[in-house]
Amino acid sequence: MGFGMSLLMTLIITYINTGMDNEYPRRFFKAWSIGLPIAIATSLLVGPIAKRFVDKITK
């Protein structure tokens, strides 16, 4: 979950903020190298909480 979301969001946000040129891939990979670990850690922390919440409201 963290991998896919961080990939798509970084692609789009980098494009919106800086546009598309020859340096886009470098900027994207730099931003993604920071965002991916944060996204994975966040999904591991928030995922179980979200699951418990959904289980509670759907019973």
N, C-alpha and C. Protein backbone atom coordinates (compact mmCIF):
# COMPACT_ATOMS: atom_id res chain seq x y z
N MET A 1 0.83 -1.19 0.00
CA MET A 1 0.00 0.00 0.00
C MET A 1 0.88 1.26 0.00
N GLY A 2 1.86 1.29 0.85
CA GLY A 2 2.75 2.44 0.92
C GLY A 2 3.56 2.63 -0.35
N PHE A 3 3.96 1.52 -0.96
CA PHE A 3 4.74 1.58 -2.19
C PHE A 3 3.95 2.22 -3.32
N GLY A 4 2.76 1.69 -3.57
CA GLY A 4 1.94 2.19 -4.68
C GLY A 4 1.50 3.63 -4.51
N MET A 5 1.04 3.95 -3.32
CA MET A 5 0.57 5.32 -3.08
C MET A 5 1.71 6.32 -3.17
N SER A 6 2.85 5.99 -2.59
CA SER A 6 3.96 6.93 -2.64
C SER A 6 4.48 7.11 -4.06
N LEU A 7 4.48 6.03 -4.85
CA LEU A 7 4.92 6.12 -6.23
C LEU A 7 4.01 7.07 -7.02
N LEU A 8 2.73 6.82 -6.98
CA LEU A 8 1.79 7.62 -7.75
C LEU A 8 1.76 9.08 -7.28
N MET A 9 1.73 9.28 -5.99
CA MET A 9 1.67 10.65 -5.46
C MET A 9 2.95 11.41 -5.78
N THR A 10 4.10 10.78 -5.66
CA THR A 10 5.36 11.46 -5.95
C THR A 10 5.46 11.81 -7.43
N LEU A 11 5.03 10.89 -8.30
CA LEU A 11 5.03 11.19 -9.74
C LEU A 11 4.19 12.43 -10.04
N ILE A 12 2.99 12.48 -9.50
CA ILE A 12 2.07 13.58 -9.79
C ILE A 12 2.52 14.87 -9.14
N ILE A 13 2.87 14.83 -7.87
CA ILE A 13 3.24 16.05 -7.15
C ILE A 13 4.53 16.65 -7.71
N THR A 14 5.49 15.80 -8.06
CA THR A 14 6.73 16.32 -8.65
C THR A 14 6.43 16.99 -9.99
N TYR A 15 5.55 16.39 -10.78
CA TYR A 15 5.17 16.99 -12.07
C TYR A 15 4.46 18.33 -11.86
N ILE A 16 3.52 18.38 -10.94
CA ILE A 16 2.78 19.62 -10.68
C ILE A 16 3.72 20.73 -10.18
N ASN A 17 4.61 20.39 -9.28
CA ASN A 17 5.48 21.41 -8.68
C ASN A 17 6.60 21.87 -9.59
N THR A 18 7.14 20.98 -10.42
CA THR A 18 8.34 21.34 -11.17
C THR A 18 8.22 21.19 -12.67
N GLY A 19 7.15 20.55 -13.15
CA GLY A 19 6.98 20.37 -14.58
C GLY A 19 7.83 19.22 -15.12
N MET A 20 7.68 19.00 -16.42
CA MET A 20 8.38 17.90 -17.07
C MET A 20 9.53 18.44 -17.91
N ASP A 21 10.72 18.00 -17.61
CA ASP A 21 11.90 18.34 -18.39
C ASP A 21 12.90 17.20 -18.27
N ASN A 22 14.12 17.41 -18.71
CA ASN A 22 15.13 16.34 -18.66
C ASN A 22 15.52 15.94 -17.24
N GLU A 23 15.33 16.83 -16.29
CA GLU A 23 15.72 16.56 -14.90
C GLU A 23 14.58 15.94 -14.08
N TYR A 24 13.40 15.78 -14.69
CA TYR A 24 12.25 15.23 -13.96
C TYR A 24 12.54 13.88 -13.31
N PRO A 25 13.10 12.90 -14.04
CA PRO A 25 13.36 11.61 -13.38
C PRO A 25 14.27 11.72 -12.16
N ARG A 26 15.29 12.57 -12.22
CA ARG A 26 16.19 12.74 -11.08
C ARG A 26 15.44 13.33 -9.89
N ARG A 27 14.63 14.35 -10.14
CA ARG A 27 13.85 14.97 -9.06
C ARG A 27 12.84 13.99 -8.48
N PHE A 28 12.21 13.22 -9.37
CA PHE A 28 11.23 12.23 -8.91
C PHE A 28 11.89 11.20 -8.00
N PHE A 29 13.01 10.59 -8.43
CA PHE A 29 13.65 9.56 -7.62
C PHE A 29 14.19 10.12 -6.31
N LYS A 30 14.65 11.35 -6.33
CA LYS A 30 15.11 11.97 -5.08
C LYS A 30 13.95 12.13 -4.11
N ALA A 31 12.82 12.65 -4.60
CA ALA A 31 11.65 12.83 -3.74
C ALA A 31 11.10 11.48 -3.27
N TRP A 32 11.08 10.50 -4.17
CA TRP A 32 10.53 9.19 -3.82
C TRP A 32 11.42 8.47 -2.82
N SER A 33 12.72 8.67 -2.89
CA SER A 33 13.62 8.02 -1.93
C SER A 33 13.38 8.52 -0.51
N ILE A 34 12.84 9.71 -0.39
CA ILE A 34 12.48 10.25 0.92
C ILE A 34 11.06 9.82 1.29
N GLY A 35 10.15 9.88 0.33
CA GLY A 35 8.75 9.60 0.60
C GLY A 35 8.42 8.14 0.83
N LEU A 36 9.11 7.24 0.14
CA LEU A 36 8.79 5.81 0.26
C LEU A 36 8.95 5.28 1.68
N PRO A 37 10.07 5.50 2.35
CA PRO A 37 10.17 4.99 3.73
C PRO A 37 9.13 5.60 4.67
N ILE A 38 8.82 6.87 4.45
CA ILE A 38 7.80 7.51 5.29
C ILE A 38 6.44 6.87 5.03
N ALA A 39 6.11 6.63 3.76
CA ALA A 39 4.82 6.03 3.41
C ALA A 39 4.70 4.61 3.95
N ILE A 40 5.76 3.83 3.87
CA ILE A 40 5.71 2.45 4.37
C ILE A 40 5.55 2.45 5.89
N ALA A 41 6.31 3.27 6.58
CA ALA A 41 6.19 3.34 8.04
C ALA A 41 4.79 3.81 8.45
N THR A 42 4.27 4.79 7.75
CA THR A 42 2.93 5.29 8.06
C THR A 42 1.88 4.23 7.82
N SER A 43 1.97 3.50 6.72
CA SER A 43 0.98 2.46 6.45
C SER A 43 1.06 1.33 7.49
N LEU A 44 2.26 1.03 7.96
CA LEU A 44 2.39 0.00 8.99
C LEU A 44 1.82 0.46 10.33
N LEU A 45 1.91 1.75 10.61
CA LEU A 45 1.37 2.27 11.87
C LEU A 45 -0.14 2.52 11.79
N VAL A 46 -0.60 3.08 10.69
CA VAL A 46 -2.00 3.48 10.56
C VAL A 46 -2.88 2.30 10.13
N GLY A 47 -2.34 1.36 9.38
CA GLY A 47 -3.11 0.24 8.86
C GLY A 47 -3.87 -0.53 9.93
N PRO A 48 -3.22 -0.99 10.98
CA PRO A 48 -3.96 -1.73 12.01
C PRO A 48 -5.01 -0.89 12.73
N ILE A 49 -4.74 0.37 12.93
CA ILE A 49 -5.71 1.26 13.57
C ILE A 49 -6.93 1.41 12.67
N ALA A 50 -6.69 1.63 11.39
CA ALA A 50 -7.79 1.77 10.44
C ALA A 50 -8.60 0.48 10.36
N LYS A 51 -7.93 -0.66 10.39
CA LYS A 51 -8.64 -1.94 10.33
C LYS A 51 -9.54 -2.11 11.55
N ARG A 52 -9.03 -1.82 12.72
CA ARG A 52 -9.86 -1.93 13.94
C ARG A 52 -11.06 -1.00 13.86
N PHE A 53 -10.86 0.22 13.38
CA PHE A 53 -11.95 1.18 13.25
C PHE A 53 -13.01 0.67 12.27
N VAL A 54 -12.58 0.18 11.13
CA VAL A 54 -13.52 -0.34 10.13
C VAL A 54 -14.26 -1.56 10.68
N ASP A 55 -13.55 -2.46 11.36
CA ASP A 55 -14.20 -3.62 11.94
C ASP A 55 -15.26 -3.19 12.96
N LYS A 56 -14.95 -2.17 13.73
CA LYS A 56 -15.88 -1.71 14.76
C LYS A 56 -17.15 -1.09 14.15
N ILE A 57 -17.00 -0.31 13.08
CA ILE A 57 -18.18 0.36 12.53
C ILE A 57 -18.97 -0.53 11.57
N THR A 58 -18.41 -1.65 11.14
CA THR A 58 -19.14 -2.52 10.21
C THR A 58 -19.77 -3.72 10.90
N LYS A 59 -19.64 -3.85 12.18
CA LYS A 59 -20.27 -4.98 12.89
C LYS A 59 -21.69 -4.69 13.25
